[in-house]
Each structure stands twice: as structure tokens, then as C-alpha cells.
Amino acid sequence: MIYITAIHLSGGDKHEHIESLRWENPSTHKTGQSTKQEIIRWLEENKTNEARVRSGADFVRVGVVKASPPYLRTYANGVWTDNLLALPRF
């Protein structure tokens, strides 16, 4: 499991414009940066892989929106949310 900590947008300000993401693994304390495509591939290759975004004291899961091309968005209580867009930019 990883926490997404920051995003980089290109060409706009919506979820579809997220190009890369910074993350941290809470169990190993490793940090890194990956492209949107790498995170999507990582989430889809193993259904136990999970990415989350901190939302106050809670955490919201990151899911893959099946569009063309696919993109990332948070999902909470059965609803797509904007938690990724609230993260710091780099």
C-alpha cells in the first residue's frame, strides 16, 4: 500500500491531467515518484495493491477511471471524489 502525497498536472487542472504522482510506502518509509501510467499498471496488476490519499484523519482509496485514456481519481463511500486534486503540486 502507498499514500499519494503530491501530484503533477500537465495541460489542465482536472484528474485527466495528472501526469505523475509522488508517494510514500508507510511500512518501509520509502518514497518515490511514478507516472500516472505506472500507478495504474501497479494497481491493476495485483488487486491487493492499494493507493490512498490522506483526508483529514481518514484515508480515501485511489481508483482507476476506465476512460480513454484511463486516469486516477479517489473513491469514497461509493462516490468518485476530488482528494487527489487537493494534494500539493510539484
Protein backbone atom coordinates (compact mmCIF):
# COMPACT_ATOMS: atom_id res chain seq x y z
CA MET A 1 0.00 0.00 0.00
CA ILE A 2 1.16 3.52 -0.77
CA TYR A 3 -0.02 7.00 0.11
CA ILE A 4 -0.12 9.55 -2.70
CA THR A 5 1.42 12.77 -1.33
CA ALA A 6 1.60 15.17 -4.32
CA ILE A 7 0.62 15.40 -7.98
CA HIS A 8 1.98 16.98 -11.15
CA LEU A 9 -0.54 18.26 -13.70
CA SER A 10 0.08 18.97 -17.37
CA GLY A 11 -2.23 20.75 -19.81
CA GLY A 12 -5.09 21.44 -17.42
CA ASP A 13 -6.35 21.18 -13.86
CA LYS A 14 -8.58 18.08 -13.87
CA HIS A 15 -7.94 14.45 -12.96
CA GLU A 16 -7.27 13.62 -16.59
CA HIS A 17 -4.28 16.00 -16.48
CA ILE A 18 -2.43 14.24 -13.65
CA GLU A 19 0.85 13.14 -15.26
CA SER A 20 2.88 11.95 -12.27
CA LEU A 21 2.49 11.38 -8.57
CA ARG A 22 4.73 11.36 -5.51
CA TRP A 23 4.10 8.62 -2.98
CA GLU A 24 5.32 7.01 0.22
CA ASN A 25 5.12 3.46 1.48
CA PRO A 26 4.19 3.65 5.19
CA SER A 27 5.58 0.21 6.03
CA THR A 28 9.03 0.76 4.50
CA HIS A 29 9.15 4.59 4.63
CA LYS A 30 10.33 4.50 1.01
CA THR A 31 9.28 7.47 -1.11
CA GLY A 32 9.20 7.82 -4.87
CA GLN A 33 7.70 9.37 -7.93
CA SER A 34 5.82 7.48 -10.65
CA THR A 35 3.94 8.34 -13.78
CA LYS A 36 0.17 8.01 -13.88
CA GLN A 37 0.58 5.02 -16.19
CA GLU A 38 2.94 3.27 -13.75
CA ILE A 39 0.49 3.71 -10.85
CA ILE A 40 -2.43 2.49 -12.98
CA ARG A 41 -0.44 -0.57 -14.06
CA TRP A 42 0.63 -1.26 -10.44
CA LEU A 43 -2.97 -1.04 -9.18
CA GLU A 44 -4.33 -3.25 -11.95
CA GLU A 45 -1.62 -5.93 -11.95
CA ASN A 46 -2.45 -7.10 -8.45
CA LYS A 47 -5.84 -6.40 -6.89
CA THR A 48 -4.23 -6.34 -3.40
CA ASN A 49 -2.14 -3.29 -4.38
CA GLU A 50 -3.74 -0.18 -2.96
CA ALA A 51 -3.10 3.55 -3.14
CA ARG A 52 -4.67 6.03 -0.75
CA VAL A 53 -4.83 9.76 -0.10
CA ARG A 54 -4.99 11.22 3.40
CA SER A 55 -8.22 13.11 4.02
CA GLY A 56 -8.04 14.65 7.49
CA ALA A 57 -7.80 11.75 9.93
CA ASP A 58 -9.13 9.30 7.31
CA PHE A 59 -7.84 7.79 4.09
CA VAL A 60 -9.54 7.63 0.71
CA ARG A 61 -8.76 4.93 -1.88
CA VAL A 62 -7.41 5.80 -5.30
CA GLY A 63 -9.12 4.05 -8.19
CA VAL A 64 -8.70 3.82 -11.94
CA VAL A 65 -11.39 5.51 -14.02
CA LYS A 66 -11.96 3.36 -17.12
CA ALA A 67 -11.83 6.12 -19.72
CA SER A 68 -9.76 6.51 -22.86
CA PRO A 69 -7.08 7.00 -21.68
CA PRO A 70 -7.63 5.77 -18.11
CA TYR A 71 -6.87 8.14 -15.24
CA LEU A 72 -6.73 8.15 -11.43
CA ARG A 73 -9.29 9.50 -9.01
CA THR A 74 -10.21 8.94 -5.37
CA TYR A 75 -13.27 6.92 -4.44
CA ALA A 76 -15.09 7.18 -1.10
CA ASN A 77 -18.44 5.86 0.06
CA GLY A 78 -19.39 4.75 -3.44
CA VAL A 79 -18.67 8.16 -4.98
CA TRP A 80 -15.76 9.48 -7.07
CA THR A 81 -14.14 12.36 -5.14
CA ASP A 82 -11.54 15.11 -5.71
CA ASN A 83 -9.00 14.32 -2.98
CA LEU A 84 -6.14 13.92 -5.48
CA LEU A 85 -6.68 17.44 -6.79
CA ALA A 86 -6.44 18.82 -3.24
CA LEU A 87 -2.87 17.49 -2.86
CA PRO A 88 0.21 19.70 -3.16
CA ARG A 89 1.63 20.19 -6.67
CA PHE A 90 5.21 19.68 -7.82
